[in-house]
Amino acid sequence: MGKFCRFWVPPLLAGGLLVFAFTGDFRAQEPGEGKGGQGDLDSKLSDSLGDVIKEGRMLHNQKGDYHGTYRLFEGALRTVKPLLAGHPDLQRTITEGLRDVEKHKVPWERGFALRKVLDTVRAGLKGGAMPEKGLDLDRKKKVEPVDAVKPADKKEKLPPIKKKVEDEPDVKKKDEDKKDVKKAEDKDKKAVEKKVDDDKEKGEEKEKLQTPDGATVTGKVTYKGQPLTSGFVTLVDEDGRKFSASIRMDGSYAFRKVAVPPGEYTVVLEESTSLVKGQAPLDAVPERYKSAATSPLRLALSRGANPGDLKLN
């Protein structure tokens, strides 16, 4: 029951935000009636969609819930569409956007596509053009995700130490100056090393807080003994929820920053939407590995670290 509720929370939240904005005030917003008319209704719709975007930004950027972001945006667009009777062009934009989003294969791409539709609708309600800048979701890169928070590689630059120049040479004084310089350098070096250690410790603590009760998975994907160089390893649970991690050039993958609930999963391989030099598509991989209905791959995950080597044949 808990899994079912979590799956439906984003669409319900989207509808809730919009219904809350118009409760007790919807009749007053009919075109040509009341104090505000269509303009006031458009303004309230735009503000409500802005709240939906803020919630989606938090789900995507802070929680890494890409599927939840996509479902939140989808629910908001389906809810607001009937309220746009005075804007048939915007209703058509929503219809086409909800249709075209199915072309994208992974949740984070669908979230980006629907975010563009939301921005277009808001711009239309305000009587303006689509803004050039507005996608403030953290876009997934073609390169592989960072597995952990790393300490700063560069050490702080040590301040220059001024040496006193004497008018006459004094060997003893020069020796004392050298000792003072050495002490200062050692002190600064220890301070830098301590900062690096502190940063590393904070990074490790942050990673632990992100997945207190979840499972982490690392492994390598090979087909007939050769590592795959592109694509995604996607875990699908019995409710259809998906968790994806990209495959690196050497065939390795890792679920570390996203908390995967312990349990039984079917493993599916998905294509990358774009490839970089040296990466090969999954054309050679049999189709049975690309669908949850036919894939023979299974992983049983428990709390903490789990091995996940996948050998295809």
C-alpha atoms as a PDB file:
ATOM      1  CA  MET A   1       0.000   0.000   0.000  1.00  0.00           C
ATOM      2  CA  GLY A   2       2.889   2.366   0.787  1.00  0.00           C
ATOM      3  CA  LYS A   3       4.433   1.842  -2.639  1.00  0.00           C
ATOM      4  CA  PHE A   4       1.049   2.542  -4.298  1.00  0.00           C
ATOM      5  CA  CYS A   5       0.670   5.828  -2.426  1.00  0.00           C
ATOM      6  CA  ARG A   6       4.173   7.006  -3.297  1.00  0.00           C
ATOM      7  CA  PHE A   7       3.530   6.263  -6.985  1.00  0.00           C
ATOM      8  CA  TRP A   8       0.417   8.509  -7.062  1.00  0.00           C
ATOM      9  CA  VAL A   9       1.630  11.349  -4.840  1.00  0.00           C
ATOM     10  CA  PRO A  10       3.064  13.645  -7.631  1.00  0.00           C
ATOM     11  CA  PRO A  11      -0.132  13.669  -9.815  1.00  0.00           C
ATOM     12  CA  LEU A  12      -2.336  14.187  -6.735  1.00  0.00           C
ATOM     13  CA  LEU A  13      -0.044  16.972  -5.514  1.00  0.00           C
ATOM     14  CA  ALA A  14      -0.256  18.728  -8.903  1.00  0.00           C
ATOM     15  CA  GLY A  15      -4.036  18.591  -8.858  1.00  0.00           C
ATOM     16  CA  GLY A  16      -4.100  19.682  -5.219  1.00  0.00           C
ATOM     17  CA  LEU A  17      -2.033  22.805  -5.889  1.00  0.00           C
ATOM     18  CA  LEU A  18      -4.370  23.885  -8.691  1.00  0.00           C
ATOM     19  CA  VAL A  19      -7.601  23.031  -6.846  1.00  0.00           C
ATOM     20  CA  PHE A  20      -6.382  24.917  -3.765  1.00  0.00           C
ATOM     21  CA  ALA A  21      -5.730  28.011  -5.869  1.00  0.00           C
ATOM     22  CA  PHE A  22      -9.350  28.137  -7.100  1.00  0.00           C
ATOM     23  CA  THR A  23     -11.381  26.745  -4.153  1.00  0.00           C
ATOM     24  CA  GLY A  24     -14.281  29.055  -3.381  1.00  0.00           C
ATOM     25  CA  ASP A  25     -13.292  31.532  -6.097  1.00  0.00           C
ATOM     26  CA  PHE A  26     -13.785  29.681  -9.407  1.00  0.00           C
ATOM     27  CA  ARG A  27     -17.278  31.092 -10.163  1.00  0.00           C
ATOM     28  CA  ALA A  28     -15.924  34.595  -9.789  1.00  0.00           C
ATOM     29  CA  GLN A  29     -13.413  33.936 -12.559  1.00  0.00           C
ATOM     30  CA  GLU A  30     -15.867  33.131 -15.384  1.00  0.00           C
ATOM     31  CA  PRO A  31     -15.155  35.289 -18.474  1.00  0.00           C
ATOM     32  CA  GLY A  32     -17.094  38.494 -18.368  1.00  0.00           C
ATOM     33  CA  GLU A  33     -18.225  38.073 -14.742  1.00  0.00           C
ATOM     34  CA  GLY A  34     -17.057  39.397 -11.385  1.00  0.00           C
ATOM     35  CA  LYS A  35     -14.158  41.663 -10.725  1.00  0.00           C
ATOM     36  CA  GLY A  36     -11.366  39.899 -12.585  1.00  0.00           C
ATOM     37  CA  GLY A  37     -12.773  38.134 -15.634  1.00  0.00           C
ATOM     38  CA  GLN A  38     -10.525  36.071 -17.912  1.00  0.00           C
ATOM     39  CA  GLY A  39      -7.439  38.143 -17.080  1.00  0.00           C
ATOM     40  CA  ASP A  40      -7.712  37.374 -13.368  1.00  0.00           C
ATOM     41  CA  LEU A  41      -8.273  33.657 -14.094  1.00  0.00           C
ATOM     42  CA  ASP A  42      -5.207  33.593 -16.361  1.00  0.00           C
ATOM     43  CA  SER A  43      -3.109  35.247 -13.647  1.00  0.00           C
ATOM     44  CA  LYS A  44      -4.179  32.694 -11.028  1.00  0.00           C
ATOM     45  CA  LEU A  45      -3.510  29.798 -13.398  1.00  0.00           C
ATOM     46  CA  SER A  46      -0.038  31.145 -14.155  1.00  0.00           C
ATOM     47  CA  ASP A  47       0.769  31.545 -10.435  1.00  0.00           C
ATOM     48  CA  SER A  48      -0.475  28.016  -9.678  1.00  0.00           C
ATOM     49  CA  LEU A  49       1.634  26.516 -12.452  1.00  0.00           C
ATOM     50  CA  GLY A  50       4.578  28.438 -11.020  1.00  0.00           C
ATOM     51  CA  ASP A  51       4.031  26.634  -7.693  1.00  0.00           C
ATOM     52  CA  VAL A  52       3.969  23.290  -9.546  1.00  0.00           C
ATOM     53  CA  ILE A  53       7.289  24.150 -11.229  1.00  0.00           C
ATOM     54  CA  LYS A  54       8.878  25.020  -7.859  1.00  0.00           C
ATOM     55  CA  GLU A  55       7.753  21.678  -6.403  1.00  0.00           C
ATOM     56  CA  GLY A  56       9.083  19.823  -9.450  1.00  0.00           C
ATOM     57  CA  ARG A  57      12.418  21.654  -9.203  1.00  0.00           C
ATOM     58  CA  MET A  58      12.773  20.452  -5.588  1.00  0.00           C
ATOM     59  CA  LEU A  59      11.893  16.834  -6.486  1.00  0.00           C
ATOM     60  CA  HIS A  60      14.382  16.812  -9.383  1.00  0.00           C
ATOM     61  CA  ASN A  61      17.338  18.806  -8.034  1.00  0.00           C
ATOM     62  CA  GLN A  62      17.267  17.972  -4.312  1.00  0.00           C
ATOM     63  CA  LYS A  63      15.713  14.486  -4.141  1.00  0.00           C
ATOM     64  CA  GLY A  64      16.735  13.066  -7.528  1.00  0.00           C
ATOM     65  CA  ASP A  65      13.132  11.846  -8.038  1.00  0.00           C
ATOM     66  CA  TYR A  66      13.024  12.178 -11.842  1.00  0.00           C
ATOM     67  CA  HIS A  67       9.933   9.961 -12.215  1.00  0.00           C
ATOM     68  CA  GLY A  68       8.090  11.988  -9.567  1.00  0.00           C
ATOM     69  CA  THR A  69       8.957  15.260 -11.354  1.00  0.00           C
ATOM     70  CA  TYR A  70       7.625  13.917 -14.653  1.00  0.00           C
ATOM     71  CA  ARG A  71       4.377  12.692 -13.059  1.00  0.00           C
ATOM     72  CA  LEU A  72       3.919  16.012 -11.174  1.00  0.00           C
ATOM     73  CA  PHE A  73       4.220  18.049 -14.411  1.00  0.00           C
ATOM     74  CA  GLU A  74       1.953  15.621 -16.294  1.00  0.00           C
ATOM     75  CA  GLY A  75      -0.765  15.828 -13.626  1.00  0.00           C
ATOM     76  CA  ALA A  76      -0.638  19.649 -13.576  1.00  0.00           C
ATOM     77  CA  LEU A  77      -1.028  19.907 -17.366  1.00  0.00           C
ATOM     78  CA  ARG A  78      -3.946  17.452 -17.434  1.00  0.00           C
ATOM     79  CA  THR A  79      -5.648  19.354 -14.586  1.00  0.00           C
ATOM     80  CA  VAL A  80      -5.234  22.835 -16.060  1.00  0.00           C
ATOM     81  CA  LYS A  81      -6.178  21.950 -19.656  1.00  0.00           C
ATOM     82  CA  PRO A  82     -10.022  22.095 -19.130  1.00  0.00           C
ATOM     83  CA  LEU A  83      -9.638  25.548 -17.485  1.00  0.00           C
ATOM     84  CA  LEU A  84      -8.122  27.025 -20.668  1.00  0.00           C
ATOM     85  CA  ALA A  85     -11.341  27.172 -22.702  1.00  0.00           C
ATOM     86  CA  GLY A  86     -10.482  30.763 -23.613  1.00  0.00           C
ATOM     87  CA  HIS A  87      -7.081  29.675 -24.976  1.00  0.00           C
ATOM     88  CA  PRO A  88      -7.591  26.878 -27.541  1.00  0.00           C
ATOM     89  CA  ASP A  89      -4.012  27.347 -28.756  1.00  0.00           C
ATOM     90  CA  LEU A  90      -2.669  26.564 -25.267  1.00  0.00           C
ATOM     91  CA  GLN A  91      -4.981  23.552 -24.968  1.00  0.00           C
ATOM     92  CA  ARG A  92      -3.571  22.307 -28.264  1.00  0.00           C
ATOM     93  CA  THR A  93      -0.012  22.904 -26.952  1.00  0.00           C
ATOM     94  CA  ILE A  94      -0.786  20.733 -23.889  1.00  0.00           C
ATOM     95  CA  THR A  95      -2.358  17.973 -26.008  1.00  0.00           C
ATOM     96  CA  GLU A  96       0.672  17.835 -28.328  1.00  0.00           C
ATOM     97  CA  GLY A  97       3.125  18.001 -25.416  1.00  0.00           C
ATOM     98  CA  LEU A  98       1.493  15.089 -23.564  1.00  0.00           C
ATOM     99  CA  ARG A  99       1.511  13.089 -26.786  1.00  0.00           C
ATOM    100  CA  ASP A 100       5.121  13.849 -27.751  1.00  0.00           C
ATOM    101  CA  VAL A 101       6.522  13.174 -24.259  1.00  0.00           C
ATOM    102  CA  GLU A 102       5.961   9.433 -24.808  1.00  0.00           C
ATOM    103  CA  LYS A 103       8.790   9.534 -27.383  1.00  0.00           C
ATOM    104  CA  HIS A 104      11.318  10.011 -24.581  1.00  0.00           C
ATOM    105  CA  LYS A 105      12.568   6.815 -22.956  1.00  0.00           C
ATOM    106  CA  VAL A 106      13.758   7.914 -19.493  1.00  0.00           C
ATOM    107  CA  PRO A 107      11.904   9.906 -16.784  1.00  0.00           C
ATOM    108  CA  TRP A 108      14.363  12.835 -16.551  1.00  0.00           C
ATOM    109  CA  GLU A 109      13.983  13.545 -20.291  1.00  0.00           C
ATOM    110  CA  ARG A 110      10.197  13.476 -19.948  1.00  0.00           C
ATOM    111  CA  GLY A 111      10.401  15.925 -17.052  1.00  0.00           C
ATOM    112  CA  PHE A 112      12.429  18.361 -19.180  1.00  0.00           C
ATOM    113  CA  ALA A 113       9.972  18.043 -22.089  1.00  0.00           C
ATOM    114  CA  LEU A 114       6.917  18.774 -19.901  1.00  0.00           C
ATOM    115  CA  ARG A 115       8.757  21.648 -18.171  1.00  0.00           C
ATOM    116  CA  LYS A 116       9.012  23.321 -21.591  1.00  0.00           C
ATOM    117  CA  VAL A 117       5.257  22.871 -22.091  1.00  0.00           C
ATOM    118  CA  LEU A 118       4.556  24.440 -18.666  1.00  0.00           C
ATOM    119  CA  ASP A 119       6.742  27.439 -19.541  1.00  0.00           C
ATOM    120  CA  THR A 120       4.964  27.834 -22.877  1.00  0.00           C
ATOM    121  CA  VAL A 121       1.533  27.779 -21.199  1.00  0.00           C
ATOM    122  CA  ARG A 122       2.603  30.306 -18.550  1.00  0.00           C
ATOM    123  CA  ALA A 123       4.051  32.602 -21.215  1.00  0.00           C
ATOM    124  CA  GLY A 124       0.799  32.351 -23.205  1.00  0.00           C
ATOM    125  CA  LEU A 125      -1.285  33.196 -20.129  1.00  0.00           C
ATOM    126  CA  LYS A 126       0.865  36.276 -19.590  1.00  0.00           C
ATOM    127  CA  GLY A 127       0.601  37.293 -23.243  1.00  0.00           C
ATOM    128  CA  GLY A 128       4.345  36.930 -23.850  1.00  0.00           C
ATOM    129  CA  ALA A 129       6.721  34.702 -25.776  1.00  0.00           C
ATOM    130  CA  MET A 130       8.458  31.588 -24.497  1.00  0.00           C
ATOM    131  CA  PRO A 131      11.432  32.669 -22.300  1.00  0.00           C
ATOM    132  CA  GLU A 132      14.882  31.778 -23.611  1.00  0.00           C
ATOM    133  CA  LYS A 133      16.060  30.836 -20.128  1.00  0.00           C
ATOM    134  CA  GLY A 134      13.913  28.946 -17.659  1.00  0.00           C
ATOM    135  CA  LEU A 135      14.950  25.315 -17.401  1.00  0.00           C
ATOM    136  CA  ASP A 136      16.507  25.320 -13.954  1.00  0.00           C
ATOM    137  CA  LEU A 137      16.495  21.539 -13.507  1.00  0.00           C
ATOM    138  CA  ASP A 138      19.913  19.899 -13.224  1.00  0.00           C
ATOM    139  CA  ARG A 139      20.344  18.269 -16.642  1.00  0.00           C
ATOM    140  CA  LYS A 140      21.870  14.804 -16.737  1.00  0.00           C
ATOM    141  CA  LYS A 141      25.200  14.864 -18.577  1.00  0.00           C
ATOM    142  CA  LYS A 142      26.478  12.625 -21.358  1.00  0.00           C
ATOM    143  CA  VAL A 143      29.447  11.879 -19.161  1.00  0.00           C
ATOM    144  CA  GLU A 144      29.004   9.696 -16.124  1.00  0.00           C
ATOM    145  CA  PRO A 145      27.527  10.983 -12.807  1.00  0.00           C
ATOM    146  CA  VAL A 146      29.833  11.705  -9.881  1.00  0.00           C
ATOM    147  CA  ASP A 147      29.527   8.832  -7.401  1.00  0.00           C
ATOM    148  CA  ALA A 148      30.498  10.753  -4.270  1.00  0.00           C
ATOM    149  CA  VAL A 149      31.340  14.190  -3.035  1.00  0.00           C
ATOM    150  CA  LYS A 150      35.050  14.655  -3.603  1.00  0.00           C
ATOM    151  CA  PRO A 151      37.325  16.962  -1.596  1.00  0.00           C
ATOM    152  CA  ALA A 152      38.968  19.870  -3.309  1.00  0.00           C
ATOM    153  CA  ASP A 153      41.910  18.744  -5.449  1.00  0.00           C
ATOM    154  CA  LYS A 154      43.742  22.043  -5.287  1.00  0.00           C
ATOM    155  CA  LYS A 155      45.490  23.116  -2.126  1.00  0.00           C
ATOM    156  CA  GLU A 156      45.168  26.644  -0.898  1.00  0.00           C
ATOM    157  CA  LYS A 157      47.921  28.876  -2.113  1.00  0.00           C
ATOM    158  CA  LEU A 158      50.366  29.610   0.670  1.00  0.00           C
ATOM    159  CA  PRO A 159      50.930  33.285   1.389  1.00  0.00           C
ATOM    160  CA  PRO A 160      54.319  34.595   0.338  1.00  0.00           C
ATOM    161  CA  ILE A 161      56.770  34.989   3.175  1.00  0.00           C
ATOM    162  CA  LYS A 162      58.786  38.139   3.120  1.00  0.00           C
ATOM    163  CA  LYS A 163      62.438  37.810   4.005  1.00  0.00           C
ATOM    164  CA  LYS A 164      64.242  40.616   5.621  1.00  0.00           C
ATOM    165  CA  VAL A 165      67.141  41.880   3.534  1.00  0.00           C
ATOM    166  CA  GLU A 166      70.127  42.954   5.586  1.00  0.00           C
ATOM    167  CA  ASP A 167      72.615  45.580   4.429  1.00  0.00           C
ATOM    168  CA  GLU A 168      75.473  43.338   5.557  1.00  0.00           C
ATOM    169  CA  PRO A 169      75.596  39.540   5.298  1.00  0.00           C
ATOM    170  CA  ASP A 170      74.855  37.756   8.559  1.00  0.00           C
ATOM    171  CA  VAL A 171      75.053  33.962   8.342  1.00  0.00           C
ATOM    172  CA  LYS A 172      73.439  33.364  11.730  1.00  0.00           C
ATOM    173  CA  LYS A 173      70.509  35.671  10.936  1.00  0.00           C
ATOM    174  CA  LYS A 174      69.927  33.957   7.606  1.00  0.00           C
ATOM    175  CA  ASP A 175      69.809  30.549   9.285  1.00  0.00           C
ATOM    176  CA  GLU A 176      67.213  31.803  11.757  1.00  0.00           C
ATOM    177  CA  ASP A 177      65.122  33.220   8.891  1.00  0.00           C
ATOM    178  CA  LYS A 178      65.224  29.881   7.100  1.00  0.00           C
ATOM    179  CA  LYS A 179      63.991  28.102  10.218  1.00  0.00           C
ATOM    180  CA  ASP A 180      61.112  30.576  10.587  1.00  0.00           C
ATOM    181  CA  VAL A 181      60.149  30.103   6.939  1.00  0.00           C
ATOM    182  CA  LYS A 182      60.209  26.307   7.323  1.00  0.00           C
ATOM    183  CA  LYS A 183      57.972  26.481  10.429  1.00  0.00           C
ATOM    184  CA  ALA A 184      55.492  28.726   8.613  1.00  0.00           C
ATOM    185  CA  GLU A 185      55.398  26.425   5.595  1.00  0.00           C
ATOM    186  CA  ASP A 186      54.870  23.342   7.782  1.00  0.00           C
ATOM    187  CA  LYS A 187      52.058  25.063   9.648  1.00  0.00           C
ATOM    188  CA  ASP A 188      50.279  26.102   6.446  1.00  0.00           C
ATOM    189  CA  LYS A 189      50.743  22.637   4.945  1.00  0.00           C
ATOM    190  CA  LYS A 190      49.129  20.989   7.979  1.00  0.00           C
ATOM    191  CA  ALA A 191      46.217  23.446   7.795  1.00  0.00           C
ATOM    192  CA  VAL A 192      45.616  22.599   4.129  1.00  0.00           C
ATOM    193  CA  GLU A 193      45.820  18.840   4.788  1.00  0.00           C
ATOM    194  CA  LYS A 194      43.343  19.162   7.649  1.00  0.00           C
ATOM    195  CA  LYS A 195      40.892  21.029   5.405  1.00  0.00           C
ATOM    196  CA  VAL A 196      41.110  18.306   2.754  1.00  0.00           C
ATOM    197  CA  ASP A 197      40.468  15.614   5.383  1.00  0.00           C
ATOM    198  CA  ASP A 198      37.507  17.570   6.765  1.00  0.00           C
ATOM    199  CA  ASP A 199      36.026  17.974   3.276  1.00  0.00           C
ATOM    200  CA  LYS A 200      36.401  14.258   2.604  1.00  0.00           C
ATOM    201  CA  GLU A 201      34.721  13.366   5.907  1.00  0.00           C
ATOM    202  CA  LYS A 202      31.827  15.730   5.167  1.00  0.00           C
ATOM    203  CA  GLY A 203      31.404  14.180   1.733  1.00  0.00           C
ATOM    204  CA  GLU A 204      31.211  10.688   3.194  1.00  0.00           C
ATOM    205  CA  GLU A 205      28.717  11.792   5.841  1.00  0.00           C
ATOM    206  CA  LYS A 206      26.581  13.487   3.171  1.00  0.00           C
ATOM    207  CA  GLU A 207      26.446  10.302   1.114  1.00  0.00           C
ATOM    208  CA  LYS A 208      25.396   8.299   4.187  1.00  0.00           C
ATOM    209  CA  LEU A 209      22.576  10.758   4.916  1.00  0.00           C
ATOM    210  CA  GLN A 210      21.297  10.516   1.356  1.00  0.00           C
ATOM    211  CA  THR A 211      20.762   6.739   1.543  1.00  0.00           C
ATOM    212  CA  PRO A 212      20.163   5.853   5.237  1.00  0.00           C
ATOM    213  CA  ASP A 213      17.781   2.940   4.563  1.00  0.00           C
ATOM    214  CA  GLY A 214      18.418   2.307   0.869  1.00  0.00           C
ATOM    215  CA  ALA A 215      20.533  -0.031  -1.177  1.00  0.00           C
ATOM    216  CA  THR A 216      23.614   0.839  -3.207  1.00  0.00           C
ATOM    217  CA  VAL A 217      24.500  -1.213  -6.266  1.00  0.00           C
ATOM    218  CA  THR A 218      27.727  -1.356  -8.284  1.00  0.00           C
ATOM    219  CA  GLY A 219      28.713  -3.714 -11.038  1.00  0.00           C
ATOM    220  CA  LYS A 220      29.796  -4.247 -14.626  1.00  0.00           C
ATOM    221  CA  VAL A 221      27.721  -5.126 -17.706  1.00  0.00           C
ATOM    222  CA  THR A 222      29.236  -7.475 -20.303  1.00  0.00           C
ATOM    223  CA  TYR A 223      27.853  -9.112 -23.425  1.00  0.00           C
ATOM    224  CA  LYS A 224      29.642 -12.292 -24.525  1.00  0.00           C
ATOM    225  CA  GLY A 225      32.550 -11.325 -22.295  1.00  0.00           C
ATOM    226  CA  GLN A 226      32.935  -7.777 -23.698  1.00  0.00           C
ATOM    227  CA  PRO A 227      31.933  -4.682 -21.659  1.00  0.00           C
ATOM    228  CA  LEU A 228      29.099  -2.489 -22.930  1.00  0.00           C
ATOM    229  CA  THR A 229      30.108   1.153 -23.465  1.00  0.00           C
ATOM    230  CA  SER A 230      26.760   3.005 -23.398  1.00  0.00           C
ATOM    231  CA  GLY A 231      23.146   2.839 -22.255  1.00  0.00           C
ATOM    232  CA  PHE A 232      21.393   2.635 -18.903  1.00  0.00           C
ATOM    233  CA  VAL A 233      20.903  -0.130 -16.333  1.00  0.00           C
ATOM    234  CA  THR A 234      17.273   0.258 -15.201  1.00  0.00           C
ATOM    235  CA  LEU A 235      15.802  -1.516 -12.158  1.00  0.00           C
ATOM    236  CA  VAL A 236      12.030  -2.119 -12.362  1.00  0.00           C
ATOM    237  CA  ASP A 237      10.075  -3.178  -9.258  1.00  0.00           C
ATOM    238  CA  GLU A 238       6.762  -5.029  -9.118  1.00  0.00           C
ATOM    239  CA  ASP A 239       4.821  -1.724  -9.193  1.00  0.00           C
ATOM    240  CA  GLY A 240       6.603  -0.550 -12.350  1.00  0.00           C
ATOM    241  CA  ARG A 241       8.785   2.061 -10.632  1.00  0.00           C
ATOM    242  CA  LYS A 242      12.149   2.541 -12.320  1.00  0.00           C
ATOM    243  CA  PHE A 243      15.632   3.501 -11.101  1.00  0.00           C
ATOM    244  CA  SER A 244      18.324   4.092 -13.732  1.00  0.00           C
ATOM    245  CA  ALA A 245      22.126   4.417 -13.742  1.00  0.00           C
ATOM    246  CA  SER A 246      24.266   5.097 -16.813  1.00  0.00           C
ATOM    247  CA  ILE A 247      26.837   2.634 -18.137  1.00  0.00           C
ATOM    248  CA  ARG A 248      30.395   3.950 -18.317  1.00  0.00           C
ATOM    249  CA  MET A 249      32.866   3.389 -21.137  1.00  0.00           C
ATOM    250  CA  ASP A 250      34.400   0.415 -19.278  1.00  0.00           C
ATOM    251  CA  GLY A 251      31.011  -1.256 -18.740  1.00  0.00           C
ATOM    252  CA  SER A 252      30.680  -0.308 -15.071  1.00  0.00           C
ATOM    253  CA  TYR A 253      27.643   1.342 -13.466  1.00  0.00           C
ATOM    254  CA  ALA A 254      26.683   2.461  -9.944  1.00  0.00           C
ATOM    255  CA  PHE A 255      23.574   3.364  -7.914  1.00  0.00           C
ATOM    256  CA  ARG A 256      24.993   5.421  -5.050  1.00  0.00           C
ATOM    257  CA  LYS A 257      23.478   8.898  -4.797  1.00  0.00           C
ATOM    258  CA  VAL A 258      19.906   7.662  -5.470  1.00  0.00           C
ATOM    259  CA  ALA A 259      18.380   5.633  -2.620  1.00  0.00           C
ATOM    260  CA  VAL A 260      17.040   2.381  -4.104  1.00  0.00           C
ATOM    261  CA  PRO A 261      14.586   0.614  -1.762  1.00  0.00           C
ATOM    262  CA  PRO A 262      15.619  -2.963  -0.873  1.00  0.00           C
ATOM    263  CA  GLY A 263      13.659  -5.661  -2.730  1.00  0.00           C
ATOM    264  CA  GLU A 264      13.362  -7.736  -5.906  1.00  0.00           C
ATOM    265  CA  TYR A 265      14.001  -6.023  -9.273  1.00  0.00           C
ATOM    266  CA  THR A 266      13.895  -6.935 -12.946  1.00  0.00           C
ATOM    267  CA  VAL A 267      16.921  -5.499 -14.773  1.00  0.00           C
ATOM    268  CA  VAL A 268      16.416  -3.833 -18.167  1.00  0.00           C
ATOM    269  CA  LEU A 269      18.987  -2.273 -20.520  1.00  0.00           C
ATOM    270  CA  GLU A 270      17.936   1.012 -22.167  1.00  0.00           C
ATOM    271  CA  GLU A 271      19.543   2.923 -25.012  1.00  0.00           C
ATOM    272  CA  SER A 272      21.314   6.262 -24.483  1.00  0.00           C
ATOM    273  CA  THR A 273      19.674   9.170 -26.311  1.00  0.00           C
ATOM    274  CA  SER A 274      23.072  10.420 -27.473  1.00  0.00           C
ATOM    275  CA  LEU A 275      26.544   8.917 -27.738  1.00  0.00           C
ATOM    276  CA  VAL A 276      30.018  10.374 -27.409  1.00  0.00           C
ATOM    277  CA  LYS A 277      33.170   9.272 -29.212  1.00  0.00           C
ATOM    278  CA  GLY A 278      34.089   5.697 -28.331  1.00  0.00           C
ATOM    279  CA  GLN A 279      30.565   4.649 -27.283  1.00  0.00           C
ATOM    280  CA  ALA A 280      28.636   2.000 -29.227  1.00  0.00           C
ATOM    281  CA  PRO A 281      24.822   1.578 -29.298  1.00  0.00           C
ATOM    282  CA  LEU A 282      23.140  -1.500 -27.858  1.00  0.00           C
ATOM    283  CA  ASP A 283      22.266  -2.875 -31.318  1.00  0.00           C
ATOM    284  CA  ALA A 284      24.077  -6.162 -30.696  1.00  0.00           C
ATOM    285  CA  VAL A 285      22.294  -6.812 -27.377  1.00  0.00           C
ATOM    286  CA  PRO A 286      19.265  -9.161 -27.797  1.00  0.00           C
ATOM    287  CA  GLU A 287      15.868  -7.431 -27.521  1.00  0.00           C
ATOM    288  CA  ARG A 288      14.794  -9.645 -24.594  1.00  0.00           C
ATOM    289  CA  TYR A 289      17.117  -7.665 -22.301  1.00  0.00           C
ATOM    290  CA  LYS A 290      15.419  -4.376 -23.245  1.00  0.00           C
ATOM    291  CA  SER A 291      11.927  -5.012 -21.825  1.00  0.00           C
ATOM    292  CA  ALA A 292      10.811  -5.746 -18.273  1.00  0.00           C
ATOM    293  CA  ALA A 293       8.321  -8.287 -19.650  1.00  0.00           C
ATOM    294  CA  THR A 294      11.036 -10.462 -21.246  1.00  0.00           C
ATOM    295  CA  SER A 295      14.297  -9.694 -19.432  1.00  0.00           C
ATOM    296  CA  PRO A 296      15.708 -12.725 -17.562  1.00  0.00           C
ATOM    297  CA  LEU A 297      17.942 -10.519 -15.409  1.00  0.00           C
ATOM    298  CA  ARG A 298      17.023 -10.202 -11.708  1.00  0.00           C
ATOM    299  CA  LEU A 299      18.612  -8.502  -8.697  1.00  0.00           C
ATOM    300  CA  ALA A 300      17.621  -8.972  -5.051  1.00  0.00           C
ATOM    301  CA  LEU A 301      18.830  -5.906  -3.131  1.00  0.00           C
ATOM    302  CA  SER A 302      19.304  -5.548   0.616  1.00  0.00           C
ATOM    303  CA  ARG A 303      20.227  -2.500   2.683  1.00  0.00           C
ATOM    304  CA  GLY A 304      23.747  -1.232   2.135  1.00  0.00           C
ATOM    305  CA  ALA A 305      26.162  -2.211  -0.628  1.00  0.00           C
ATOM    306  CA  ASN A 306      25.145  -4.855  -3.180  1.00  0.00           C
ATOM    307  CA  PRO A 307      27.169  -6.463  -6.029  1.00  0.00           C
ATOM    308  CA  GLY A 308      25.522  -6.164  -9.432  1.00  0.00           C
ATOM    309  CA  ASP A 309      27.657  -7.702 -12.198  1.00  0.00           C
ATOM    310  CA  LEU A 310      25.462  -8.478 -15.246  1.00  0.00           C
ATOM    311  CA  LYS A 311      26.717 -11.068 -17.748  1.00  0.00           C
ATOM    312  CA  LEU A 312      24.674 -11.234 -20.965  1.00  0.00           C
ATOM    313  CA  ASN A 313      24.925 -13.938 -23.587  1.00  0.00           C
END
